[in-house]
Protein backbone atom coordinates (compact mmCIF):
# COMPACT_ATOMS: atom_id res chain seq x y z
CA MET A 1 121.26 152.54 83.78
CA CYS A 2 121.72 153.82 87.33
CA GLY A 3 118.58 153.19 89.33
CA GLU A 4 116.70 151.45 86.51
CA TYR A 5 115.16 149.22 89.19
CA ASP A 6 114.05 150.02 92.70
CA PHE A 7 115.28 146.64 93.97
CA LEU A 8 117.80 144.15 92.67
CA ILE A 9 117.09 140.89 94.47
CA VAL A 10 120.00 138.45 94.48
CA GLY A 11 118.61 134.97 94.99
CA ALA A 12 115.41 133.48 93.56
CA GLY A 13 114.65 131.21 96.50
CA LEU A 14 111.73 131.67 98.86
CA TYR A 15 113.12 134.79 100.51
CA GLY A 16 113.93 136.59 97.29
CA ALA A 17 110.73 135.51 95.54
CA VAL A 18 108.47 136.62 98.40
CA PHE A 19 110.28 139.94 98.77
CA ALA A 20 110.07 140.55 95.01
CA ARG A 21 106.36 139.71 94.93
CA GLU A 22 105.51 142.04 97.81
CA MET A 23 107.53 144.97 96.51
CA THR A 24 106.20 144.53 92.97
CA ASP A 25 102.63 144.49 94.26
CA ALA A 26 103.42 147.67 96.20
CA GLY A 27 104.38 149.40 92.95
CA TYR A 28 108.15 149.00 92.95
CA LYS A 29 110.19 147.78 90.00
CA CYS A 30 112.22 144.67 90.81
CA MET A 31 114.72 142.42 89.10
CA VAL A 32 115.62 138.99 90.48
CA ILE A 33 118.86 137.18 89.62
CA ASP A 34 120.21 133.83 90.74
CA ARG A 35 123.53 132.03 90.39
CA ARG A 36 121.81 128.71 89.78
CA LYS A 37 120.22 127.93 86.42
CA HIS A 38 116.76 127.69 87.96
CA THR A 39 114.56 129.60 90.38
CA GLY A 40 113.28 128.30 93.71
CA GLY A 41 116.52 127.87 95.59
CA ASN A 42 116.50 124.69 97.66
CA VAL A 43 112.76 124.07 97.16
CA TYR A 44 113.24 123.57 93.41
CA CYS A 45 111.70 120.38 92.04
CA GLU A 46 112.94 118.48 88.99
CA ARG A 47 110.69 116.24 86.94
CA ILE A 48 112.37 112.87 86.37
CA GLU A 49 110.50 110.11 84.52
CA GLY A 50 107.20 111.80 85.36
CA ILE A 51 107.97 112.08 89.10
CA HIS A 52 108.50 115.41 90.86
CA VAL A 53 111.87 115.13 92.60
CA HIS A 54 112.70 117.42 95.51
CA ARG A 55 116.09 118.32 94.07
CA TYR A 56 117.73 119.48 97.31
CA GLY A 57 116.11 117.17 99.83
CA PRO A 58 112.55 116.74 101.09
CA HIS A 59 110.59 119.90 101.79
CA ILE A 60 107.30 119.65 103.67
CA PHE A 61 105.59 122.95 104.36
CA HIS A 62 104.43 123.16 107.97
CA THR A 63 103.35 126.07 110.14
CA ASN A 64 101.05 127.16 112.94
CA ASP A 65 100.74 130.60 111.36
CA ARG A 66 97.35 130.74 109.65
CA GLY A 67 98.30 133.92 107.81
CA ILE A 68 101.38 132.30 106.25
CA TRP A 69 99.36 129.21 105.34
CA GLU A 70 96.70 131.33 103.63
CA TYR A 71 99.43 133.33 101.88
CA VAL A 72 100.98 130.31 100.15
CA ASN A 73 97.62 128.67 99.42
CA ALA A 74 96.48 131.82 97.63
CA LEU A 75 99.43 131.35 95.29
CA ALA A 76 99.33 127.58 94.68
CA PRO A 77 97.07 124.66 95.63
CA PHE A 78 98.45 122.43 98.38
CA THR A 79 97.96 118.72 99.00
CA PRO A 80 97.75 117.72 102.68
CA PHE A 81 100.80 115.66 103.62
CA VAL A 82 101.82 114.17 106.96
CA TYR A 83 105.56 113.52 107.16
CA SER A 84 106.18 110.18 108.88
CA PRO A 85 109.73 109.00 108.14
CA LEU A 86 111.32 105.80 109.40
CA ALA A 87 114.76 105.27 110.91
CA SER A 88 116.92 102.33 109.85
CA TYR A 89 119.58 101.06 112.25
CA LYS A 90 121.44 97.84 111.50
CA GLN A 91 118.57 96.64 109.28
CA ALA A 92 115.89 97.26 111.92
CA LEU A 93 113.23 99.91 111.30
CA TYR A 94 111.90 102.37 113.88
CA HIS A 95 109.17 104.98 113.73
CA LEU A 96 109.94 108.70 113.80
CA PRO A 97 109.55 111.04 115.52
CA PHE A 98 110.34 109.29 118.80
CA ASN A 99 106.98 108.14 120.12
CA MET A 100 105.27 105.13 121.66
CA HIS A 101 105.68 103.14 118.44
CA THR A 102 109.45 103.69 118.72
CA PHE A 103 109.55 102.80 122.40
CA TYR A 104 107.50 99.65 121.81
CA GLN A 105 109.88 98.60 119.02
CA LEU A 106 112.86 99.11 121.34
CA TRP A 107 111.60 97.90 124.70
CA GLY A 108 108.22 96.26 124.22
CA VAL A 109 106.51 98.86 126.42
CA THR A 110 102.93 99.85 125.63
CA THR A 111 102.18 102.73 128.00
CA ALA A 112 103.61 106.20 128.42
CA GLU A 113 104.41 105.44 132.07
CA GLU A 114 106.48 102.39 131.14
CA ALA A 115 108.37 104.28 128.45
CA ALA A 116 109.08 107.24 130.73
CA ALA A 117 110.36 104.88 133.42
CA VAL A 118 112.82 103.20 131.03
CA ILE A 119 114.08 106.56 129.81
CA GLN A 120 114.49 107.88 133.36
CA GLN A 121 116.47 104.79 134.37
CA GLN A 122 118.84 105.38 131.46
CA ILE A 123 119.18 109.09 132.25
CA THR A 124 120.03 108.29 135.86
CA ALA A 125 122.54 105.62 134.85
CA ALA A 126 124.20 108.10 132.48
CA GLY A 127 124.65 110.56 135.34
CA ILE A 128 122.81 113.43 133.63
CA ARG A 129 121.83 115.56 136.63
CA HIS A 130 122.85 119.00 135.39
CA ILE A 131 121.79 121.34 132.62
CA PRO A 132 122.95 119.63 129.39
CA ALA A 133 126.14 121.22 128.09
CA ASN A 134 126.09 119.76 124.59
CA LEU A 135 123.95 117.88 122.09
CA GLU A 136 124.89 114.46 123.45
CA GLU A 137 123.84 115.33 127.00
CA GLN A 138 120.68 117.06 125.77
CA ALA A 139 119.65 114.02 123.72
CA ILE A 140 120.25 111.58 126.59
CA ALA A 141 118.39 113.88 128.98
CA ARG A 142 115.35 113.72 126.70
CA VAL A 143 115.24 110.13 125.42
CA GLY A 144 117.85 108.11 127.31
CA THR A 145 120.98 106.33 126.14
CA GLU A 146 119.55 103.62 123.88
CA VAL A 147 117.58 105.94 121.60
CA TYR A 148 120.60 108.23 121.56
CA GLN A 149 123.08 105.48 120.65
CA LYS A 150 120.90 103.83 118.00
CA LEU A 151 118.91 106.65 116.43
CA ILE A 152 120.69 109.95 117.13
CA LYS A 153 124.46 109.61 117.54
CA GLY A 154 125.49 108.22 114.15
CA TYR A 155 123.02 110.33 112.21
CA THR A 156 124.19 113.48 113.99
CA GLU A 157 127.86 112.71 113.34
CA LYS A 158 127.12 112.35 109.64
CA GLN A 159 124.87 115.40 109.45
CA TRP A 160 127.19 117.79 111.25
CA GLY A 161 130.62 116.23 110.75
CA ARG A 162 131.31 116.44 114.48
CA LYS A 163 130.83 114.37 117.59
CA PRO A 164 127.56 115.22 119.37
CA SER A 165 129.58 116.12 122.46
CA GLU A 166 131.16 118.93 120.39
CA LEU A 167 127.84 120.43 119.26
CA PRO A 168 125.65 122.88 121.17
CA ALA A 169 122.61 121.48 122.95
CA SER A 170 120.37 123.97 121.14
CA ILE A 171 120.76 122.15 117.82
CA ILE A 172 118.53 119.34 119.03
CA ASN A 173 115.82 121.59 120.46
CA ARG A 174 113.79 120.88 117.32
CA MET A 175 113.66 117.16 118.18
CA CYS A 176 110.12 115.96 118.79
CA VAL A 177 109.43 113.37 121.54
CA ARG A 178 105.92 112.06 122.18
CA PHE A 179 104.44 109.58 124.62
CA THR A 180 101.53 108.83 122.29
CA TYR A 181 101.20 106.65 119.19
CA ASP A 182 101.57 109.56 116.78
CA ASN A 183 103.94 109.33 113.80
CA ASN A 184 103.35 112.90 112.55
CA TYR A 185 106.86 114.37 112.49
CA PHE A 186 105.63 117.93 112.97
CA ASN A 187 103.35 119.45 115.59
CA ASP A 188 102.09 122.22 113.30
CA THR A 189 98.42 122.74 112.49
CA TYR A 190 98.95 123.28 108.77
CA GLN A 191 101.01 120.79 106.75
CA GLY A 192 101.24 120.07 103.04
CA ILE A 193 103.12 120.17 99.75
CA PRO A 194 102.16 122.23 96.67
CA VAL A 195 100.45 120.16 94.00
CA GLY A 196 103.13 119.22 91.48
CA GLY A 197 105.95 120.43 93.72
CA TYR A 198 107.22 123.87 94.66
CA ASN A 199 107.96 125.21 91.18
CA GLY A 200 104.38 126.41 90.75
CA LEU A 201 104.52 128.35 94.01
CA ILE A 202 107.76 130.05 93.00
CA ALA A 203 106.40 130.80 89.51
CA ALA A 204 103.36 132.47 91.06
CA LEU A 205 105.56 134.57 93.34
CA LEU A 206 107.73 135.68 90.42
CA LYS A 207 104.92 136.19 87.89
CA GLY A 208 105.42 139.39 85.91
CA ILE A 209 108.84 140.06 87.47
CA GLU A 210 112.04 140.17 85.43
CA VAL A 211 114.20 137.16 86.37
CA LYS A 212 117.66 136.14 85.17
CA THR A 213 119.22 132.80 86.15
CA GLY A 214 122.76 131.55 85.73
CA VAL A 215 124.05 134.95 86.85
CA ASP A 216 126.86 135.29 89.40
CA TYR A 217 126.25 138.64 91.04
CA LEU A 218 129.53 138.62 92.95
CA GLN A 219 131.61 138.45 89.77
CA SER A 220 130.29 141.82 88.57
CA ARG A 221 128.55 143.35 91.56
CA GLY A 222 129.53 146.90 90.66
CA GLU A 223 127.75 146.66 87.34
CA TRP A 224 124.67 145.08 88.92
CA ASN A 225 124.54 147.55 91.79
CA GLU A 226 124.27 150.43 89.34
CA LYS A 227 121.00 149.01 88.06
CA ALA A 228 119.08 149.42 91.32
CA LYS A 229 118.56 151.79 94.21
CA LEU A 230 118.73 148.96 96.76
CA VAL A 231 120.10 145.43 96.65
CA VAL A 232 118.54 142.54 98.57
CA TYR A 233 121.06 139.73 99.01
CA SER A 234 120.11 136.23 100.16
CA GLY A 235 123.41 134.44 99.62
CA SER A 236 126.15 133.72 102.14
CA ILE A 237 127.06 136.92 103.95
CA ASP A 238 130.69 135.91 104.49
CA GLU A 239 131.16 135.26 100.77
CA PHE A 240 129.64 138.66 99.99
CA TYR A 241 132.31 140.36 102.10
CA GLY A 242 135.14 138.27 100.71
CA TYR A 243 135.49 136.23 103.91
CA CYS A 244 137.19 139.24 105.49
CA PHE A 245 136.56 137.90 109.01
CA GLY A 246 137.12 134.30 107.95
CA CYS A 247 134.71 131.67 106.64
CA LEU A 248 131.53 130.88 108.48
CA GLU A 249 130.99 127.14 108.81
CA TYR A 250 128.27 125.43 106.80
CA ARG A 251 127.36 121.89 105.86
CA SER A 252 126.99 120.82 102.26
CA LEU A 253 125.06 117.91 100.73
CA SER A 254 125.33 115.62 97.75
CA PHE A 255 122.40 113.87 96.08
CA GLU A 256 122.52 110.68 94.02
CA ASP A 257 119.39 109.68 92.10
CA LYS A 258 118.44 106.17 91.07
CA ILE A 259 115.55 105.25 88.78
CA LEU A 260 114.30 101.82 89.80
CA PRO A 261 111.96 99.50 87.84
CA VAL A 262 109.63 98.93 90.80
CA ARG A 263 106.41 100.64 91.83
CA ASP A 264 107.49 101.13 95.43
CA TYR A 265 111.00 100.86 96.82
CA GLN A 266 110.69 101.58 100.55
CA GLY A 267 107.00 102.22 101.24
CA VAL A 268 107.53 105.68 102.70
CA ALA A 269 108.84 109.06 101.52
CA VAL A 270 111.98 109.10 103.68
CA VAL A 271 114.08 106.57 105.59
CA ASN A 272 116.82 107.97 107.83
CA TYR A 273 119.94 105.81 108.16
CA THR A 274 121.23 106.34 111.67
CA ASP A 275 124.18 103.93 111.65
CA ALA A 276 127.45 105.85 111.29
CA ALA A 277 128.80 103.04 109.07
CA VAL A 278 126.26 103.93 106.35
CA PRO A 279 127.62 106.99 104.50
CA TYR A 280 124.30 108.60 103.55
CA THR A 281 121.83 110.05 106.04
CA ARG A 282 118.59 109.33 104.25
CA VAL A 283 116.95 107.82 101.20
CA ILE A 284 114.09 109.79 99.66
CA GLU A 285 111.43 108.13 97.50
CA HIS A 286 109.76 111.11 95.88
CA LYS A 287 106.58 109.53 94.51
CA HIS A 288 105.29 109.19 98.09
CA PHE A 289 105.05 112.98 98.34
CA GLU A 290 102.17 112.94 95.87
CA TRP A 291 100.97 109.31 95.73
CA ALA A 292 102.15 108.85 92.15
CA GLU A 293 101.18 105.63 90.35
CA GLN A 294 104.02 105.07 87.88
CA ALA A 295 105.40 101.55 87.37
CA HIS A 296 108.85 102.87 88.31
CA THR A 297 110.22 105.02 91.10
CA VAL A 298 112.97 107.58 91.75
CA VAL A 299 115.00 107.44 94.95
CA THR A 300 117.67 109.89 96.09
CA TYR A 301 120.54 109.15 98.44
CA GLU A 302 121.40 112.23 100.51
CA THR A 303 124.93 112.43 101.90
CA PRO A 304 126.30 115.31 104.03
CA GLN A 305 129.62 116.83 103.05
CA THR A 306 132.16 119.16 104.56
CA TRP A 307 131.53 122.59 103.10
CA GLU A 308 134.37 124.31 101.29
CA LYS A 309 134.53 127.21 98.88
CA GLY A 310 132.91 126.24 95.61
CA ARG A 311 130.38 123.88 97.20
CA GLU A 312 126.78 124.75 97.92
CA ALA A 313 126.17 125.82 101.52
CA PHE A 314 122.94 124.19 102.74
CA TYR A 315 122.74 125.02 106.44
CA PRO A 316 124.83 126.87 109.04
CA VAL A 317 126.71 125.39 111.98
CA ASN A 318 125.41 127.67 114.71
CA ASP A 319 127.93 127.09 117.48
CA ALA A 320 129.27 129.90 119.67
CA PHE A 321 132.36 130.50 117.52
CA ASN A 322 130.46 130.81 114.24
CA ASN A 323 127.68 132.90 115.74
CA CYS A 324 130.28 135.32 117.10
CA ARG A 325 131.93 135.56 113.69
CA TYR A 326 128.54 136.10 112.05
CA LYS A 327 127.90 139.08 114.35
CA GLN A 328 131.02 140.69 112.92
CA TYR A 329 129.59 140.37 109.43
CA ARG A 330 126.21 141.72 110.55
CA GLN A 331 127.88 144.75 112.11
CA LEU A 332 129.71 145.37 108.85
CA ALA A 333 126.48 144.94 106.86
CA ALA A 334 124.74 147.52 109.04
CA THR A 335 127.11 150.18 107.66
CA ASP A 336 126.12 149.46 104.05
CA ALA A 337 123.02 151.55 103.33
CA LYS A 338 122.55 150.15 99.82
CA MET A 339 122.37 146.52 100.96
CA HIS A 340 119.78 144.41 102.76
CA PHE A 341 120.60 140.83 103.78
CA GLY A 342 117.90 138.22 104.32
CA GLY A 343 117.30 134.47 104.16
CA ARG A 344 118.92 131.37 105.61
CA LEU A 345 122.47 132.01 104.36
CA ALA A 346 122.47 135.80 104.66
CA GLU A 347 121.08 135.66 108.21
CA TYR A 348 123.07 132.52 109.10
CA ARG A 349 120.01 130.82 110.58
CA TYR A 350 118.39 127.41 110.21
CA TYR A 351 115.04 128.63 108.90
CA ASP A 352 112.01 126.50 108.09
CA MET A 353 110.13 127.61 104.98
CA HIS A 354 107.38 129.44 106.83
CA GLN A 355 110.02 131.32 108.80
CA VAL A 356 111.78 132.41 105.60
CA ILE A 357 108.48 133.70 104.24
CA ALA A 358 107.67 135.53 107.48
CA SER A 359 111.11 137.15 107.46
CA ALA A 360 110.71 138.29 103.84
CA LEU A 361 107.22 139.66 104.49
CA LYS A 362 108.45 141.62 107.49
CA ALA A 363 111.38 143.06 105.54
CA SER A 364 109.18 144.05 102.61
CA ARG A 365 106.78 145.91 104.90
CA ASN A 366 109.69 147.80 106.38
CA PHE A 367 110.86 148.95 102.94
CA ILE A 368 107.52 150.16 101.61
CA GLY A 369 107.61 153.95 101.49
CA LEU A 370 111.37 154.24 102.03
CA ILE A 371 112.26 154.78 98.37
């Protein structure tokens, strides 16, 4: 059985599926395995009462890369979708991302100049005159103290399990702030969701490729390694190496579904709950992703959790300590000629979907011709 496959790909999420597709199309024999009982990783969708539920939280595909957009659209049809969530704080609703609608709701201002003046007054009063040293200072330096206190602080504490003053400023670099009346959460040119959810996209990527689910590679890696010349691993890199340098820090999530006998529960796909007293971070009403017309609806309550062994790791905590520890694992991985590590958990990076695809495409190009 030694070398029966050119590549054993551990993980049937976006990274593994794209890599497998590219190498198969290049003439290589691939097998894909996954610990979960389904393919698709975190973009997997589950059909509940006729509604496509984003099983692991909302996923909106967005990119400025025309090539990536054409790549996914060649595999599955996409429906245009503009993500415009709301924020709920103490029973008041605010528009996201932070824009003139938000500032009007908070302060009654109607022009960009008025909003900027209010924010600057708050920044000055907070004494932020230096380069922000942490997430709290970075947030205040961008939107002032009131937006921070009402719409960022509590949500961040729940999401990351730490005080914002204990988190690196870089974490909030993704935060969008606009001085226009624009509720589009993303700035990207291309935005949408595959028709019927992401399962069709993953199925197209894995078409004609041998796939086994419900398989824990780490429990019998020696046996699996014998089947292929090279192994592509997209799971947690610290788990792969037995946590020999200690655990990297992740955040986990729990999801509670409710089927409600109403056509529309909240009028929008996602509402973020920014009050620290509310345990969950957001409520997702999935039918708004595809304008479904059922007489009922499915909502999901998403609640962050402390990650521990045995729980799913959803995203890394990229502070200085964890990034330093990750470098130790990467240096160890570089000595293992049979292994390639890629994807959000293996690379310990907070990737968007288009970034995962780009990373997998780059890796696949590098491997063509090597074996």
